[in-house]
C-alpha atoms as a PDB file:
ATOM      1  CA  UNK A   1     145.575 224.923 100.033  1.00  0.00           C
ATOM      2  CA  UNK A   2     143.594 223.213  97.284  1.00  0.00           C
ATOM      3  CA  UNK A   3     140.532 221.153  98.198  1.00  0.00           C
ATOM      4  CA  UNK A   4     138.907 218.725  95.779  1.00  0.00           C
ATOM      5  CA  UNK A   5     135.203 218.579  96.568  1.00  0.00           C
ATOM      6  CA  UNK A   6     134.710 214.927  95.600  1.00  0.00           C
ATOM      7  CA  UNK A   7     133.389 212.117  97.772  1.00  0.00           C
ATOM      8  CA  UNK A   8     134.116 209.163  95.474  1.00  0.00           C
ATOM      9  CA  UNK A   9     137.015 206.725  95.444  1.00  0.00           C
ATOM     10  CA  UNK A  10     137.196 207.064  91.650  1.00  0.00           C
ATOM     11  CA  UNK A  11     138.126 210.741  92.013  1.00  0.00           C
ATOM     12  CA  UNK A  12     140.655 209.898  94.734  1.00  0.00           C
ATOM     13  CA  UNK A  13     142.259 207.191  92.580  1.00  0.00           C
ATOM     14  CA  UNK A  14     142.626 209.421  89.512  1.00  0.00           C
ATOM     15  CA  UNK A  15     143.942 212.453  91.381  1.00  0.00           C
ATOM     16  CA  UNK A  16     146.309 210.336  93.507  1.00  0.00           C
ATOM     17  CA  UNK A  17     147.612 208.367  90.536  1.00  0.00           C
ATOM     18  CA  UNK A  18     150.881 209.071  88.792  1.00  0.00           C
ATOM     19  CA  UNK A  19     148.861 209.866  85.642  1.00  0.00           C
ATOM     20  CA  UNK A  20     147.612 213.062  87.243  1.00  0.00           C
ATOM     21  CA  UNK A  21     150.822 213.642  89.205  1.00  0.00           C
ATOM     22  CA  UNK A  22     152.957 213.895  86.075  1.00  0.00           C
ATOM     23  CA  UNK A  23     150.373 216.067  84.326  1.00  0.00           C
ATOM     24  CA  UNK A  24     150.396 218.400  87.327  1.00  0.00           C
ATOM     25  CA  UNK A  25     154.186 218.463  87.536  1.00  0.00           C
ATOM     26  CA  UNK A  26     154.384 219.289  83.828  1.00  0.00           C
ATOM     27  CA  UNK A  27     152.021 222.289  84.059  1.00  0.00           C
ATOM     28  CA  UNK A  28     152.590 223.486  87.635  1.00  0.00           C
ATOM     29  CA  UNK A  29     154.701 226.445  88.577  1.00  0.00           C
ATOM     30  CA  UNK A  30     157.274 226.149  91.355  1.00  0.00           C
ATOM     31  CA  UNK A  31     158.107 227.779  94.656  1.00  0.00           C
ATOM     32  CA  UNK A  32     161.797 227.301  95.447  1.00  0.00           C
ATOM     33  CA  UNK A  33     162.270 223.539  94.887  1.00  0.00           C
ATOM     34  CA  UNK A  34     158.616 222.656  95.504  1.00  0.00           C
ATOM     35  CA  UNK A  35     155.786 222.140  93.061  1.00  0.00           C
ATOM     36  CA  UNK A  36     153.046 224.789  93.229  1.00  0.00           C
ATOM     37  CA  UNK A  37     149.744 223.170  92.272  1.00  0.00           C
ATOM     38  CA  UNK A  38     147.451 225.675  90.566  1.00  0.00           C
ATOM     39  CA  UNK A  39     143.932 224.385  89.754  1.00  0.00           C
ATOM     40  CA  UNK A  40     143.582 226.486  86.595  1.00  0.00           C
ATOM     41  CA  UNK A  41     146.750 224.960  85.103  1.00  0.00           C
ATOM     42  CA  UNK A  42     146.849 221.486  86.654  1.00  0.00           C
ATOM     43  CA  UNK A  43     143.253 220.443  87.317  1.00  0.00           C
ATOM     44  CA  UNK A  44     140.961 222.247  84.885  1.00  0.00           C
ATOM     45  CA  UNK A  45     143.095 221.176  81.918  1.00  0.00           C
ATOM     46  CA  UNK A  46     143.409 217.530  83.003  1.00  0.00           C
ATOM     47  CA  UNK A  47     141.577 215.146  80.623  1.00  0.00           C
ATOM     48  CA  UNK A  48     139.900 212.577  82.868  1.00  0.00           C
ATOM     49  CA  UNK A  49     139.151 209.231  81.187  1.00  0.00           C
ATOM     50  CA  UNK A  50     135.676 208.745  79.768  1.00  0.00           C
ATOM     51  CA  UNK A  51     133.249 207.218  82.262  1.00  0.00           C
ATOM     52  CA  UNK A  52     135.663 207.499  85.174  1.00  0.00           C
ATOM     53  CA  UNK A  53     132.915 208.499  87.625  1.00  0.00           C
ATOM     54  CA  UNK A  54     131.361 205.013  87.475  1.00  0.00           C
ATOM     55  CA  UNK A  55     134.510 202.947  86.872  1.00  0.00           C
ATOM     56  CA  UNK A  56     134.381 199.978  89.267  1.00  0.00           C
ATOM     57  CA  UNK A  57     138.096 199.125  88.977  1.00  0.00           C
ATOM     58  CA  UNK A  58     139.055 202.686  89.867  1.00  0.00           C
ATOM     59  CA  UNK A  59     136.681 202.624  92.826  1.00  0.00           C
ATOM     60  CA  UNK A  60     138.144 199.371  94.170  1.00  0.00           C
ATOM     61  CA  UNK A  61     141.787 200.414  93.706  1.00  0.00           C
ATOM     62  CA  UNK A  62     141.217 203.830  95.246  1.00  0.00           C
ATOM     63  CA  UNK A  63     139.368 202.426  98.243  1.00  0.00           C
ATOM     64  CA  UNK A  64     142.010 199.756  98.939  1.00  0.00           C
ATOM     65  CA  UNK A  65     144.849 202.269  98.755  1.00  0.00           C
ATOM     66  CA  UNK A  66     143.070 204.901 100.850  1.00  0.00           C
ATOM     67  CA  UNK A  67     142.035 202.519 103.620  1.00  0.00           C
ATOM     68  CA  UNK A  68     145.449 200.868 103.867  1.00  0.00           C
ATOM     69  CA  UNK A  69     147.230 204.234 103.944  1.00  0.00           C
ATOM     70  CA  UNK A  70     144.882 205.590 106.634  1.00  0.00           C
ATOM     71  CA  UNK A  71     145.393 202.528 108.823  1.00  0.00           C
ATOM     72  CA  UNK A  72     149.171 202.700 108.274  1.00  0.00           C
ATOM     73  CA  UNK A  73     149.353 206.332 109.406  1.00  0.00           C
ATOM     74  CA  UNK A  74     147.301 205.597 112.514  1.00  0.00           C
ATOM     75  CA  UNK A  75     149.395 202.525 113.348  1.00  0.00           C
ATOM     76  CA  UNK A  76     152.680 204.416 112.946  1.00  0.00           C
ATOM     77  CA  UNK A  77     151.359 207.691 114.368  1.00  0.00           C
ATOM     78  CA  UNK A  78     152.708 209.458 111.273  1.00  0.00           C
ATOM     79  CA  UNK A  79     151.104 211.962 108.906  1.00  0.00           C
ATOM     80  CA  UNK A  80     151.225 212.156 105.133  1.00  0.00           C
ATOM     81  CA  UNK A  81     154.605 213.917 104.980  1.00  0.00           C
ATOM     82  CA  UNK A  82     156.482 211.315 107.024  1.00  0.00           C
ATOM     83  CA  UNK A  83     154.665 208.455 105.325  1.00  0.00           C
ATOM     84  CA  UNK A  84     155.620 209.644 101.847  1.00  0.00           C
ATOM     85  CA  UNK A  85     159.157 210.490 102.884  1.00  0.00           C
ATOM     86  CA  UNK A  86     159.467 206.804 103.699  1.00  0.00           C
ATOM     87  CA  UNK A  87     157.572 205.858 100.523  1.00  0.00           C
ATOM     88  CA  UNK A  88     160.202 207.608  98.357  1.00  0.00           C
ATOM     89  CA  UNK A  89     163.241 206.595 100.416  1.00  0.00           C
ATOM     90  CA  UNK A  90     165.393 203.975  98.603  1.00  0.00           C
ATOM     91  CA  UNK A  91     166.605 202.669 101.965  1.00  0.00           C
ATOM     92  CA  UNK A  92     163.074 202.046 103.270  1.00  0.00           C
ATOM     93  CA  UNK A  93     162.255 198.337 103.146  1.00  0.00           C
ATOM     94  CA  UNK A  94     159.527 197.908 105.760  1.00  0.00           C
ATOM     95  CA  UNK A  95     156.720 195.520 104.691  1.00  0.00           C
ATOM     96  CA  UNK A  96     154.030 198.171 105.193  1.00  0.00           C
ATOM     97  CA  UNK A  97     155.736 200.681 102.899  1.00  0.00           C
ATOM     98  CA  UNK A  98     156.378 197.948 100.348  1.00  0.00           C
ATOM     99  CA  UNK A  99     152.670 197.134 100.399  1.00  0.00           C
ATOM    100  CA  UNK A 100     151.769 200.806 100.002  1.00  0.00           C
ATOM    101  CA  UNK A 101     154.004 200.988  96.927  1.00  0.00           C
ATOM    102  CA  UNK A 102     152.336 197.892  95.455  1.00  0.00           C
ATOM    103  CA  UNK A 103     148.848 199.294  96.076  1.00  0.00           C
ATOM    104  CA  UNK A 104     149.878 202.535  94.417  1.00  0.00           C
ATOM    105  CA  UNK A 105     151.001 200.577  91.356  1.00  0.00           C
ATOM    106  CA  UNK A 106     147.580 198.873  91.226  1.00  0.00           C
ATOM    107  CA  UNK A 107     145.885 202.245  91.419  1.00  0.00           C
ATOM    108  CA  UNK A 108     148.090 203.530  88.588  1.00  0.00           C
ATOM    109  CA  UNK A 109     147.213 200.466  86.511  1.00  0.00           C
ATOM    110  CA  UNK A 110     143.495 201.071  87.064  1.00  0.00           C
ATOM    111  CA  UNK A 111     143.930 204.681  85.979  1.00  0.00           C
ATOM    112  CA  UNK A 112     145.774 203.721  82.789  1.00  0.00           C
ATOM    113  CA  UNK A 113     143.207 201.005  82.044  1.00  0.00           C
ATOM    114  CA  UNK A 114     140.417 203.600  82.331  1.00  0.00           C
ATOM    115  CA  UNK A 115     142.006 205.350  79.332  1.00  0.00           C
ATOM    116  CA  UNK A 116     142.473 202.028  77.538  1.00  0.00           C
ATOM    117  CA  UNK A 117     146.261 202.291  77.871  1.00  0.00           C
ATOM    118  CA  UNK A 118     146.883 198.790  79.183  1.00  0.00           C
ATOM    119  CA  UNK A 119     150.067 198.483  77.106  1.00  0.00           C
ATOM    120  CA  UNK A 120     152.003 200.742  79.497  1.00  0.00           C
ATOM    121  CA  UNK A 121     153.908 199.177  82.430  1.00  0.00           C
ATOM    122  CA  UNK A 122     153.528 200.583  85.935  1.00  0.00           C
ATOM    123  CA  UNK A 123     156.844 199.428  87.430  1.00  0.00           C
ATOM    124  CA  UNK A 124     158.679 202.194  89.291  1.00  0.00           C
ATOM    125  CA  UNK A 125     162.245 202.921  90.255  1.00  0.00           C
ATOM    126  CA  UNK A 126     163.994 205.341  92.610  1.00  0.00           C
ATOM    127  CA  UNK A 127     164.975 208.333  90.492  1.00  0.00           C
ATOM    128  CA  UNK A 128     166.380 211.705  91.516  1.00  0.00           C
ATOM    129  CA  UNK A 129     164.016 214.583  90.790  1.00  0.00           C
ATOM    130  CA  UNK A 130     167.078 216.728  90.096  1.00  0.00           C
ATOM    131  CA  UNK A 131     170.817 216.572  90.639  1.00  0.00           C
ATOM    132  CA  UNK A 132     172.381 218.616  93.401  1.00  0.00           C
ATOM    133  CA  UNK A 133     175.700 218.990  95.147  1.00  0.00           C
ATOM    134  CA  UNK A 134     176.497 217.081  98.314  1.00  0.00           C
ATOM    135  CA  UNK A 135     175.649 220.137 100.401  1.00  0.00           C
ATOM    136  CA  UNK A 136     175.191 220.043 104.144  1.00  0.00           C
ATOM    137  CA  UNK A 137     172.412 221.434 106.286  1.00  0.00           C
ATOM    138  CA  UNK A 138     173.258 224.224 108.795  1.00  0.00           C
ATOM    139  CA  UNK A 139     173.219 221.507 111.463  1.00  0.00           C
ATOM    140  CA  UNK A 140     176.121 219.734 109.745  1.00  0.00           C
ATOM    141  CA  UNK A 141     174.039 216.818 108.455  1.00  0.00           C
ATOM    142  CA  UNK A 142     174.094 215.949 104.775  1.00  0.00           C
ATOM    143  CA  UNK A 143     171.100 217.211 102.838  1.00  0.00           C
ATOM    144  CA  UNK A 144     168.693 214.466 101.858  1.00  0.00           C
ATOM    145  CA  UNK A 145     168.747 213.732  98.141  1.00  0.00           C
ATOM    146  CA  UNK A 146     165.483 214.304  96.238  1.00  0.00           C
ATOM    147  CA  UNK A 147     164.698 210.670  95.468  1.00  0.00           C
ATOM    148  CA  UNK A 148     161.264 209.847  94.097  1.00  0.00           C
ATOM    149  CA  UNK A 149     159.773 206.398  93.566  1.00  0.00           C
ATOM    150  CA  UNK A 150     158.223 206.858  90.142  1.00  0.00           C
ATOM    151  CA  UNK A 151     157.902 205.730  86.542  1.00  0.00           C
ATOM    152  CA  UNK A 152     160.993 205.873  84.314  1.00  0.00           C
ATOM    153  CA  UNK A 153     161.256 208.956  82.117  1.00  0.00           C
ATOM    154  CA  UNK A 154     160.212 207.143  78.942  1.00  0.00           C
ATOM    155  CA  UNK A 155     156.933 205.955  80.490  1.00  0.00           C
ATOM    156  CA  UNK A 156     156.292 209.386  82.010  1.00  0.00           C
ATOM    157  CA  UNK A 157     156.876 211.062  78.640  1.00  0.00           C
ATOM    158  CA  UNK A 158     154.623 208.598  76.802  1.00  0.00           C
ATOM    159  CA  UNK A 159     151.773 209.160  79.257  1.00  0.00           C
ATOM    160  CA  UNK A 160     152.176 212.928  78.950  1.00  0.00           C
ATOM    161  CA  UNK A 161     152.165 212.720  75.152  1.00  0.00           C
ATOM    162  CA  UNK A 162     148.927 210.711  75.177  1.00  0.00           C
ATOM    163  CA  UNK A 163     147.295 213.065  77.665  1.00  0.00           C
ATOM    164  CA  UNK A 164     148.256 216.104  75.586  1.00  0.00           C
ATOM    165  CA  UNK A 165     146.850 214.485  72.454  1.00  0.00           C
ATOM    166  CA  UNK A 166     143.609 213.594  74.244  1.00  0.00           C
ATOM    167  CA  UNK A 167     143.330 217.114  75.633  1.00  0.00           C
ATOM    168  CA  UNK A 168     143.752 218.604  72.143  1.00  0.00           C
ATOM    169  CA  UNK A 169     141.123 216.254  70.690  1.00  0.00           C
ATOM    170  CA  UNK A 170     138.606 217.183  73.375  1.00  0.00           C
ATOM    171  CA  UNK A 171     139.306 220.884  72.909  1.00  0.00           C
ATOM    172  CA  UNK A 172     138.550 220.496  69.205  1.00  0.00           C
ATOM    173  CA  UNK A 173     135.353 218.571  69.972  1.00  0.00           C
ATOM    174  CA  UNK A 174     134.221 221.290  72.375  1.00  0.00           C
ATOM    175  CA  UNK A 175     134.981 223.954  69.785  1.00  0.00           C
ATOM    176  CA  UNK A 176     132.936 222.180  67.118  1.00  0.00           C
ATOM    177  CA  UNK A 177     130.092 221.559  69.560  1.00  0.00           C
ATOM    178  CA  UNK A 178     130.102 225.239  70.483  1.00  0.00           C
ATOM    179  CA  UNK A 179     129.964 226.299  66.838  1.00  0.00           C
ATOM    180  CA  UNK A 180     127.093 223.899  66.184  1.00  0.00           C
ATOM    181  CA  UNK A 181     125.165 225.174  69.210  1.00  0.00           C
ATOM    182  CA  UNK A 182     125.723 228.776  68.164  1.00  0.00           C
ATOM    183  CA  UNK A 183     124.484 228.027  64.663  1.00  0.00           C
ATOM    184  CA  UNK A 184     121.380 226.286  66.009  1.00  0.00           C
ATOM    185  CA  UNK A 185     120.616 229.248  68.252  1.00  0.00           C
ATOM    186  CA  UNK A 186     120.633 231.739  65.374  1.00  0.00           C
ATOM    187  CA  UNK A 187     117.079 232.874  64.369  1.00  0.00           C
ATOM    188  CA  UNK A 188     116.005 231.463  61.043  1.00  0.00           C
ATOM    189  CA  UNK A 189     115.147 234.040  58.326  1.00  0.00           C
ATOM    190  CA  UNK A 190     111.399 234.437  57.668  1.00  0.00           C
ATOM    191  CA  UNK A 191     110.172 232.854  54.465  1.00  0.00           C
ATOM    192  CA  UNK A 192     108.999 235.325  51.837  1.00  0.00           C
ATOM    193  CA  UNK A 193     105.382 234.963  50.720  1.00  0.00           C
ATOM    194  CA  UNK A 194     104.977 234.248  47.043  1.00  0.00           C
ATOM    195  CA  UNK A 195     103.346 237.026  45.076  1.00  0.00           C
ATOM    196  CA  UNK A 196     100.003 236.300  43.395  1.00  0.00           C
ATOM    197  CA  UNK A 197     100.273 236.320  39.594  1.00  0.00           C
ATOM    198  CA  UNK A 198      98.964 239.458  37.897  1.00  0.00           C
ATOM    199  CA  UNK A 199      95.616 239.099  36.004  1.00  0.00           C
ATOM    200  CA  UNK A 200      96.188 238.247  32.360  1.00  0.00           C
ATOM    201  CA  UNK A 201      93.064 240.089  31.096  1.00  0.00           C
ATOM    202  CA  UNK A 202      91.681 236.909  29.584  1.00  0.00           C
ATOM    203  CA  UNK A 203      89.914 235.296  32.577  1.00  0.00           C
ATOM    204  CA  UNK A 204      88.067 236.471  35.639  1.00  0.00           C
ATOM    205  CA  UNK A 205      90.348 236.006  38.707  1.00  0.00           C
ATOM    206  CA  UNK A 206      89.464 232.771  40.453  1.00  0.00           C
ATOM    207  CA  UNK A 207      86.439 231.963  38.232  1.00  0.00           C
ATOM    208  CA  UNK A 208      87.982 230.844  34.997  1.00  0.00           C
ATOM    209  CA  UNK A 209      85.262 232.666  33.044  1.00  0.00           C
ATOM    210  CA  UNK A 210      85.909 234.394  29.715  1.00  0.00           C
ATOM    211  CA  UNK A 211      86.355 238.121  29.984  1.00  0.00           C
ATOM    212  CA  UNK A 212      83.264 239.772  28.459  1.00  0.00           C
ATOM    213  CA  UNK A 213      83.642 242.016  25.470  1.00  0.00           C
ATOM    214  CA  UNK A 214      83.113 245.715  25.920  1.00  0.00           C
ATOM    215  CA  UNK A 215      79.673 245.657  24.255  1.00  0.00           C
ATOM    216  CA  UNK A 216      78.364 242.589  26.036  1.00  0.00           C
ATOM    217  CA  UNK A 217      76.154 242.900  29.109  1.00  0.00           C
ATOM    218  CA  UNK A 218      77.845 242.315  32.408  1.00  0.00           C
ATOM    219  CA  UNK A 219      76.532 239.499  34.661  1.00  0.00           C
END
């Protein structure tokens, strides 16, 4: 179990959005046919958009989606698994599930806008996660196909490409910042004191008086 210790709707919106979902699916390992979310690979590497913690549009979209989903589960007496099985079912046409899909699209749009990627569409389609034979369960029923209501592959790939580029840019910035901090922390070499010039034999040091001859009386 992975717990995200956030209490903001901005965090919920970003982590629930398809932006983070596809990043996680790209880097996650697997267990049988299921995704295995590992924080070190999926979360710690994820480049959140700048200023996301105070993004008002993210907060509003996340709150609307969360509250509607919570009320829907209570009303139907169904948990997350059953709710999302219906969410991804091409045959599901109930108004509540349709609304949940629309609210998810708004949340995705807010997430993309936080990056400044407003040129990308958020329309989804029912796409098979993978192809499989028409096998039957031990009970004799046909196995349910792995449909997922998601972005088309070209949009998914474009988002991943932009996230990877952003991640590389931030890694380079962190590297340069680390080098600069290390250089600033190095002790500066002590300045060498200039040597006083040797007496020339013509003047008294510091007085500017003529040097007396050997047979003249000394003052």
